Amino acid sequence: MKEHGLDGRHRDKDGEIIKKHGNTLIGTLRHIYGKSFAAGYPDTTKLSEALQQLNETSLSQLRRDHQTGHLGHKIDHVPK
């Protein structure tokens, strides 16, 4: 059975994203999803530090790309 957080998120899905992409910086993800991604967090924050507090729009974008297998590809192609 999946463990639900207070906001109804399935922790196993979020945990899988953290395992694969937790070290990704919020600044990197803003190159992909726009400047409003994870609003309120500095660019230098790791995804693992912000994931549980993301708003529904940012979280939905991450989950969609993770589930389709596109997230890693998108992260790999962000200019360094």
PDB file of N, CA and C in Angstrom:
ATOM      1  N   MET A   1       0.838  -1.176   0.000  1.00  0.00           N
ATOM      2  CA  MET A   1       0.000   0.000   0.000  1.00  0.00           C
ATOM      3  C   MET A   1       0.883   1.240   0.000  1.00  0.00           C
ATOM      4  N   LYS A   2       0.489   2.246  -0.746  1.00  0.00           N
ATOM      5  CA  LYS A   2       1.261   3.471  -0.839  1.00  0.00           C
ATOM      6  C   LYS A   2       0.986   4.367   0.355  1.00  0.00           C
ATOM      7  N   GLU A   3       2.032   5.011   0.822  1.00  0.00           N
ATOM      8  CA  GLU A   3       1.901   5.918   1.954  1.00  0.00           C
ATOM      9  C   GLU A   3       1.548   7.298   1.424  1.00  0.00           C
ATOM     10  N   HIS A   4       0.498   7.881   1.960  1.00  0.00           N
ATOM     11  CA  HIS A   4       0.078   9.208   1.527  1.00  0.00           C
ATOM     12  C   HIS A   4       0.644  10.269   2.457  1.00  0.00           C
ATOM     13  N   GLY A   5       1.052  11.395   1.895  1.00  0.00           N
ATOM     14  CA  GLY A   5       1.450  12.536   2.687  1.00  0.00           C
ATOM     15  C   GLY A   5       0.214  13.325   3.083  1.00  0.00           C
ATOM     16  N   LEU A   6       0.418  14.368   3.805  1.00  0.00           N
ATOM     17  CA  LEU A   6      -0.708  15.191   4.247  1.00  0.00           C
ATOM     18  C   LEU A   6      -1.469  15.793   3.076  1.00  0.00           C
ATOM     19  N   ASP A   7      -0.795  16.033   1.988  1.00  0.00           N
ATOM     20  CA  ASP A   7      -1.435  16.643   0.828  1.00  0.00           C
ATOM     21  C   ASP A   7      -1.848  15.615  -0.218  1.00  0.00           C
ATOM     22  N   GLY A   8      -1.848  14.345   0.108  1.00  0.00           N
ATOM     23  CA  GLY A   8      -2.308  13.308  -0.816  1.00  0.00           C
ATOM     24  C   GLY A   8      -1.274  12.825  -1.808  1.00  0.00           C
ATOM     25  N   ARG A   9      -0.044  13.292  -1.717  1.00  0.00           N
ATOM     26  CA  ARG A   9       0.988  12.855  -2.651  1.00  0.00           C
ATOM     27  C   ARG A   9       1.432  11.442  -2.304  1.00  0.00           C
ATOM     28  N   HIS A  10       1.703  10.662  -3.298  1.00  0.00           N
ATOM     29  CA  HIS A  10       2.223   9.316  -3.074  1.00  0.00           C
ATOM     30  C   HIS A  10       3.725   9.416  -2.895  1.00  0.00           C
ATOM     31  N   ARG A  11       4.210   9.088  -1.732  1.00  0.00           N
ATOM     32  CA  ARG A  11       5.625   9.242  -1.420  1.00  0.00           C
ATOM     33  C   ARG A  11       6.517   8.331  -2.257  1.00  0.00           C
ATOM     34  N   ASP A  12       5.986   7.195  -2.729  1.00  0.00           N
ATOM     35  CA  ASP A  12       6.840   6.319  -3.517  1.00  0.00           C
ATOM     36  C   ASP A  12       7.180   6.949  -4.858  1.00  0.00           C
ATOM     37  N   LYS A  13       6.280   7.685  -5.462  1.00  0.00           N
ATOM     38  CA  LYS A  13       6.570   8.367  -6.729  1.00  0.00           C
ATOM     39  C   LYS A  13       7.595   9.474  -6.515  1.00  0.00           C
ATOM     40  N   ASP A  14       7.382  10.266  -5.469  1.00  0.00           N
ATOM     41  CA  ASP A  14       8.326  11.337  -5.185  1.00  0.00           C
ATOM     42  C   ASP A  14       9.690  10.772  -4.805  1.00  0.00           C
ATOM     43  N   GLY A  15       9.699   9.672  -4.069  1.00  0.00           N
ATOM     44  CA  GLY A  15      10.955   9.043  -3.676  1.00  0.00           C
ATOM     45  C   GLY A  15      11.749   8.549  -4.855  1.00  0.00           C
ATOM     46  N   GLU A  16      11.058   8.046  -5.863  1.00  0.00           N
ATOM     47  CA  GLU A  16      11.739   7.578  -7.066  1.00  0.00           C
ATOM     48  C   GLU A  16      12.386   8.745  -7.802  1.00  0.00           C
ATOM     49  N   ILE A  17      11.712   9.875  -7.840  1.00  0.00           N
ATOM     50  CA  ILE A  17      12.284  11.066  -8.478  1.00  0.00           C
ATOM     51  C   ILE A  17      13.516  11.513  -7.698  1.00  0.00           C
ATOM     52  N   ILE A  18      13.432  11.511  -6.375  1.00  0.00           N
ATOM     53  CA  ILE A  18      14.577  11.915  -5.558  1.00  0.00           C
ATOM     54  C   ILE A  18      15.763  10.991  -5.792  1.00  0.00           C
ATOM     55  N   LYS A  19      15.523   9.685  -5.863  1.00  0.00           N
ATOM     56  CA  LYS A  19      16.617   8.734  -6.075  1.00  0.00           C
ATOM     57  C   LYS A  19      17.332   8.986  -7.393  1.00  0.00           C
ATOM     58  N   LYS A  20      16.578   9.285  -8.434  1.00  0.00           N
ATOM     59  CA  LYS A  20      17.179   9.458  -9.756  1.00  0.00           C
ATOM     60  C   LYS A  20      17.697  10.871 -10.000  1.00  0.00           C
ATOM     61  N   HIS A  21      17.001  11.877  -9.456  1.00  0.00           N
ATOM     62  CA  HIS A  21      17.314  13.261  -9.825  1.00  0.00           C
ATOM     63  C   HIS A  21      17.467  14.196  -8.637  1.00  0.00           C
ATOM     64  N   GLY A  22      17.619  13.654  -7.446  1.00  0.00           N
ATOM     65  CA  GLY A  22      17.660  14.462  -6.231  1.00  0.00           C
ATOM     66  C   GLY A  22      18.773  15.480  -6.170  1.00  0.00           C
ATOM     67  N   ASN A  23      19.895  15.226  -6.820  1.00  0.00           N
ATOM     68  CA  ASN A  23      21.014  16.172  -6.802  1.00  0.00           C
ATOM     69  C   ASN A  23      20.879  17.282  -7.837  1.00  0.00           C
ATOM     70  N   THR A  24      19.840  17.221  -8.663  1.00  0.00           N
ATOM     71  CA  THR A  24      19.631  18.241  -9.684  1.00  0.00           C
ATOM     72  C   THR A  24      19.280  19.562  -9.008  1.00  0.00           C
ATOM     73  N   LEU A  25      19.900  20.624  -9.460  1.00  0.00           N
ATOM     74  CA  LEU A  25      19.656  21.937  -8.884  1.00  0.00           C
ATOM     75  C   LEU A  25      18.360  22.538  -9.431  1.00  0.00           C
ATOM     76  N   ILE A  26      17.683  23.305  -8.591  1.00  0.00           N
ATOM     77  CA  ILE A  26      16.457  23.986  -9.002  1.00  0.00           C
ATOM     78  C   ILE A  26      16.748  24.898 -10.199  1.00  0.00           C
ATOM     79  N   GLY A  27      17.903  25.522 -10.215  1.00  0.00           N
ATOM     80  CA  GLY A  27      18.282  26.385 -11.344  1.00  0.00           C
ATOM     81  C   GLY A  27      18.303  25.629 -12.663  1.00  0.00           C
ATOM     82  N   THR A  28      18.759  24.381 -12.639  1.00  0.00           N
ATOM     83  CA  THR A  28      18.763  23.542 -13.843  1.00  0.00           C
ATOM     84  C   THR A  28      17.335  23.271 -14.297  1.00  0.00           C
ATOM     85  N   LEU A  29      16.468  22.963 -13.356  1.00  0.00           N
ATOM     86  CA  LEU A  29      15.075  22.670 -13.699  1.00  0.00           C
ATOM     87  C   LEU A  29      14.342  23.909 -14.203  1.00  0.00           C
ATOM     88  N   ARG A  30      14.755  25.091 -13.778  1.00  0.00           N
ATOM     89  CA  ARG A  30      14.150  26.332 -14.286  1.00  0.00           C
ATOM     90  C   ARG A  30      14.476  26.546 -15.755  1.00  0.00           C
ATOM     91  N   HIS A  31      15.610  26.029 -16.207  1.00  0.00           N
ATOM     92  CA  HIS A  31      15.922  26.102 -17.638  1.00  0.00           C
ATOM     93  C   HIS A  31      14.916  25.283 -18.439  1.00  0.00           C
ATOM     94  N   ILE A  32      14.400  24.231 -17.845  1.00  0.00           N
ATOM     95  CA  ILE A  32      13.456  23.338 -18.512  1.00  0.00           C
ATOM     96  C   ILE A  32      12.022  23.840 -18.376  1.00  0.00           C
ATOM     97  N   TYR A  33      11.615  24.196 -17.158  1.00  0.00           N
ATOM     98  CA  TYR A  33      10.209  24.481 -16.862  1.00  0.00           C
ATOM     99  C   TYR A  33       9.871  25.955 -16.709  1.00  0.00           C
ATOM    100  N   GLY A  34      10.868  26.809 -16.743  1.00  0.00           N
ATOM    101  CA  GLY A  34      10.615  28.246 -16.635  1.00  0.00           C
ATOM    102  C   GLY A  34      10.999  28.804 -15.279  1.00  0.00           C
ATOM    103  N   LYS A  35      11.100  30.120 -15.219  1.00  0.00           N
ATOM    104  CA  LYS A  35      11.590  30.809 -14.018  1.00  0.00           C
ATOM    105  C   LYS A  35      10.681  30.640 -12.810  1.00  0.00           C
ATOM    106  N   SER A  36       9.423  30.306 -13.021  1.00  0.00           N
ATOM    107  CA  SER A  36       8.503  30.181 -11.890  1.00  0.00           C
ATOM    108  C   SER A  36       8.560  28.801 -11.228  1.00  0.00           C
ATOM    109  N   PHE A  37       9.346  27.883 -11.779  1.00  0.00           N
ATOM    110  CA  PHE A  37       9.460  26.551 -11.189  1.00  0.00           C
ATOM    111  C   PHE A  37      10.041  26.654  -9.788  1.00  0.00           C
ATOM    112  N   ALA A  38       9.416  26.004  -8.816  1.00  0.00           N
ATOM    113  CA  ALA A  38       9.863  25.978  -7.417  1.00  0.00           C
ATOM    114  C   ALA A  38      10.106  27.393  -6.894  1.00  0.00           C
ATOM    115  N   ALA A  39       9.104  28.235  -7.102  1.00  0.00           N
ATOM    116  CA  ALA A  39       9.200  29.628  -6.656  1.00  0.00           C
ATOM    117  C   ALA A  39       9.551  29.688  -5.179  1.00  0.00           C
ATOM    118  N   GLY A  40      10.436  30.618  -4.854  1.00  0.00           N
ATOM    119  CA  GLY A  40      10.849  30.809  -3.470  1.00  0.00           C
ATOM    120  C   GLY A  40      12.126  30.085  -3.096  1.00  0.00           C
ATOM    121  N   TYR A  41      12.614  29.218  -3.958  1.00  0.00           N
ATOM    122  CA  TYR A  41      13.860  28.499  -3.680  1.00  0.00           C
ATOM    123  C   TYR A  41      14.989  29.094  -4.518  1.00  0.00           C
ATOM    124  N   PRO A  42      16.183  29.224  -3.938  1.00  0.00           N
ATOM    125  CA  PRO A  42      17.334  29.686  -4.719  1.00  0.00           C
ATOM    126  C   PRO A  42      17.705  28.657  -5.797  1.00  0.00           C
ATOM    127  N   ASP A  43      18.328  29.119  -6.847  1.00  0.00           N
ATOM    128  CA  ASP A  43      18.772  28.236  -7.932  1.00  0.00           C
ATOM    129  C   ASP A  43      19.695  27.129  -7.434  1.00  0.00           C
ATOM    130  N   THR A  44      20.382  27.355  -6.339  1.00  0.00           N
ATOM    131  CA  THR A  44      21.371  26.403  -5.828  1.00  0.00           C
ATOM    132  C   THR A  44      20.769  25.324  -4.926  1.00  0.00           C
ATOM    133  N   THR A  45      19.467  25.348  -4.713  1.00  0.00           N
ATOM    134  CA  THR A  45      18.799  24.332  -3.902  1.00  0.00           C
ATOM    135  C   THR A  45      18.702  23.043  -4.694  1.00  0.00           C
ATOM    136  N   LYS A  46      18.984  21.912  -4.041  1.00  0.00           N
ATOM    137  CA  LYS A  46      18.832  20.608  -4.696  1.00  0.00           C
ATOM    138  C   LYS A  46      17.358  20.222  -4.731  1.00  0.00           C
ATOM    139  N   LEU A  47      16.969  19.507  -5.757  1.00  0.00           N
ATOM    140  CA  LEU A  47      15.595  19.040  -5.884  1.00  0.00           C
ATOM    141  C   LEU A  47      15.171  18.244  -4.653  1.00  0.00           C
ATOM    142  N   SER A  48      16.065  17.430  -4.114  1.00  0.00           N
ATOM    143  CA  SER A  48      15.731  16.611  -2.950  1.00  0.00           C
ATOM    144  C   SER A  48      15.343  17.464  -1.743  1.00  0.00           C
ATOM    145  N   GLU A  49      15.852  18.677  -1.662  1.00  0.00           N
ATOM    146  CA  GLU A  49      15.548  19.574  -0.552  1.00  0.00           C
ATOM    147  C   GLU A  49      14.209  20.280  -0.723  1.00  0.00           C
ATOM    148  N   ALA A  50      13.734  20.397  -1.946  1.00  0.00           N
ATOM    149  CA  ALA A  50      12.523  21.176  -2.230  1.00  0.00           C
ATOM    150  C   ALA A  50      11.330  20.327  -2.652  1.00  0.00           C
ATOM    151  N   LEU A  51      11.548  19.094  -3.022  1.00  0.00           N
ATOM    152  CA  LEU A  51      10.501  18.285  -3.669  1.00  0.00           C
ATOM    153  C   LEU A  51       9.202  18.217  -2.879  1.00  0.00           C
ATOM    154  N   GLN A  52       9.258  17.972  -1.597  1.00  0.00           N
ATOM    155  CA  GLN A  52       8.036  17.801  -0.810  1.00  0.00           C
ATOM    156  C   GLN A  52       7.252  19.097  -0.631  1.00  0.00           C
ATOM    157  N   GLN A  53       7.859  20.223  -0.963  1.00  0.00           N
ATOM    158  CA  GLN A  53       7.194  21.513  -0.794  1.00  0.00           C
ATOM    159  C   GLN A  53       6.787  22.160  -2.121  1.00  0.00           C
ATOM    160  N   LEU A  54       7.002  21.468  -3.233  1.00  0.00           N
ATOM    161  CA  LEU A  54       6.678  22.054  -4.532  1.00  0.00           C
ATOM    162  C   LEU A  54       5.178  22.251  -4.688  1.00  0.00           C
ATOM    163  N   ASN A  55       4.816  23.308  -5.407  1.00  0.00           N
ATOM    164  CA  ASN A  55       3.401  23.510  -5.690  1.00  0.00           C
ATOM    165  C   ASN A  55       2.942  22.478  -6.716  1.00  0.00           C
ATOM    166  N   GLU A  56       1.669  22.342  -6.873  1.00  0.00           N
ATOM    167  CA  GLU A  56       1.103  21.283  -7.724  1.00  0.00           C
ATOM    168  C   GLU A  56       1.549  21.399  -9.180  1.00  0.00           C
ATOM    169  N   THR A  57       1.683  22.608  -9.687  1.00  0.00           N
ATOM    170  CA  THR A  57       2.110  22.785 -11.084  1.00  0.00           C
ATOM    171  C   THR A  57       3.522  22.258 -11.287  1.00  0.00           C
ATOM    172  N   SER A  58       4.439  22.669 -10.428  1.00  0.00           N
ATOM    173  CA  SER A  58       5.828  22.216 -10.553  1.00  0.00           C
ATOM    174  C   SER A  58       5.928  20.704 -10.359  1.00  0.00           C
ATOM    175  N   LEU A  59       5.228  20.180  -9.373  1.00  0.00           N
ATOM    176  CA  LEU A  59       5.268  18.749  -9.110  1.00  0.00           C
ATOM    177  C   LEU A  59       4.671  17.953 -10.267  1.00  0.00           C
ATOM    178  N   SER A  60       3.598  18.421 -10.832  1.00  0.00           N
ATOM    179  CA  SER A  60       2.966  17.733 -11.966  1.00  0.00           C
ATOM    180  C   SER A  60       3.891  17.668 -13.167  1.00  0.00           C
ATOM    181  N   GLN A  61       4.613  18.759 -13.437  1.00  0.00           N
ATOM    182  CA  GLN A  61       5.555  18.773 -14.552  1.00  0.00           C
ATOM    183  C   GLN A  61       6.644  17.724 -14.344  1.00  0.00           C
ATOM    184  N   LEU A  62       7.193  17.685 -13.142  1.00  0.00           N
ATOM    185  CA  LEU A  62       8.243  16.711 -12.840  1.00  0.00           C
ATOM    186  C   LEU A  62       7.733  15.279 -12.979  1.00  0.00           C
ATOM    187  N   ARG A  63       6.597  15.002 -12.376  1.00  0.00           N
ATOM    188  CA  ARG A  63       6.048  13.642 -12.419  1.00  0.00           C
ATOM    189  C   ARG A  63       5.761  13.201 -13.845  1.00  0.00           C
ATOM    190  N   ARG A  64       5.171  14.081 -14.638  1.00  0.00           N
ATOM    191  CA  ARG A  64       4.848  13.736 -16.032  1.00  0.00           C
ATOM    192  C   ARG A  64       6.113  13.359 -16.783  1.00  0.00           C
ATOM    193  N   ASP A  65       7.128  14.196 -16.706  1.00  0.00           N
ATOM    194  CA  ASP A  65       8.368  13.909 -17.431  1.00  0.00           C
ATOM    195  C   ASP A  65       9.087  12.691 -16.866  1.00  0.00           C
ATOM    196  N   HIS A  66       9.032  12.493 -15.564  1.00  0.00           N
ATOM    197  CA  HIS A  66       9.662  11.318 -14.963  1.00  0.00           C
ATOM    198  C   HIS A  66       8.950  10.041 -15.417  1.00  0.00           C
ATOM    199  N   GLN A  67       7.633  10.048 -15.394  1.00  0.00           N
ATOM    200  CA  GLN A  67       6.863   8.861 -15.766  1.00  0.00           C
ATOM    201  C   GLN A  67       7.032   8.498 -17.236  1.00  0.00           C
ATOM    202  N   THR A  68       7.228   9.491 -18.092  1.00  0.00           N
ATOM    203  CA  THR A  68       7.409   9.216 -19.511  1.00  0.00           C
ATOM    204  C   THR A  68       8.869   8.958 -19.872  1.00  0.00           C
ATOM    205  N   GLY A  69       9.765   9.100 -18.879  1.00  0.00           N
ATOM    206  CA  GLY A  69      11.180   8.861 -19.130  1.00  0.00           C
ATOM    207  C   GLY A  69      11.912  10.033 -19.754  1.00  0.00           C
ATOM    208  N   HIS A  70      11.300  11.197 -19.784  1.00  0.00           N
ATOM    209  CA  HIS A  70      11.906  12.357 -20.427  1.00  0.00           C
ATOM    210  C   HIS A  70      12.714  13.251 -19.487  1.00  0.00           C
ATOM    211  N   LEU A  71      12.524  13.120 -18.190  1.00  0.00           N
ATOM    212  CA  LEU A  71      13.169  14.038 -17.264  1.00  0.00           C
ATOM    213  C   LEU A  71      14.693  13.963 -17.343  1.00  0.00           C
ATOM    214  N   GLY A  72      15.246  12.782 -17.290  1.00  0.00           N
ATOM    215  CA  GLY A  72      16.699  12.641 -17.368  1.00  0.00           C
ATOM    216  C   GLY A  72      17.268  13.206 -18.654  1.00  0.00           C
ATOM    217  N   HIS A  73      16.586  12.970 -19.753  1.00  0.00           N
ATOM    218  CA  HIS A  73      17.030  13.490 -21.056  1.00  0.00           C
ATOM    219  C   HIS A  73      17.013  15.017 -21.049  1.00  0.00           C
ATOM    220  N   LYS A  74      15.956  15.594 -20.512  1.00  0.00           N
ATOM    221  CA  LYS A  74      15.857  17.051 -20.474  1.00  0.00           C
ATOM    222  C   LYS A  74      16.955  17.650 -19.594  1.00  0.00           C
ATOM    223  N   ILE A  75      17.207  17.030 -18.440  1.00  0.00           N
ATOM    224  CA  ILE A  75      18.251  17.521 -17.543  1.00  0.00           C
ATOM    225  C   ILE A  75      19.613  17.433 -18.222  1.00  0.00           C
ATOM    226  N   ASP A  76      19.869  16.344 -18.915  1.00  0.00           N
ATOM    227  CA  ASP A  76      21.152  16.152 -19.598  1.00  0.00           C
ATOM    228  C   ASP A  76      21.405  17.191 -20.680  1.00  0.00           C
ATOM    229  N   HIS A  77      20.356  17.775 -21.228  1.00  0.00           N
ATOM    230  CA  HIS A  77      20.512  18.714 -22.339  1.00  0.00           C
ATOM    231  C   HIS A  77      20.406  20.178 -21.947  1.00  0.00           C
ATOM    232  N   VAL A  78      20.397  20.468 -20.655  1.00  0.00           N
ATOM    233  CA  VAL A  78      20.433  21.862 -20.195  1.00  0.00           C
ATOM    234  C   VAL A  78      21.854  22.359 -20.340  1.00  0.00           C
ATOM    235  N   PRO A  79      22.039  23.530 -20.974  1.00  0.00           N
ATOM    236  CA  PRO A  79      23.398  24.072 -21.110  1.00  0.00           C
ATOM    237  C   PRO A  79      24.039  24.260 -19.741  1.00  0.00           C
ATOM    238  N   LYS A  80      25.276  23.872 -19.626  1.00  0.00           N
ATOM    239  CA  LYS A  80      26.020  23.978 -18.355  1.00  0.00           C
ATOM    240  C   LYS A  80      26.599  25.362 -18.193  1.00  0.00           C
TER     241      LYS A  80
END
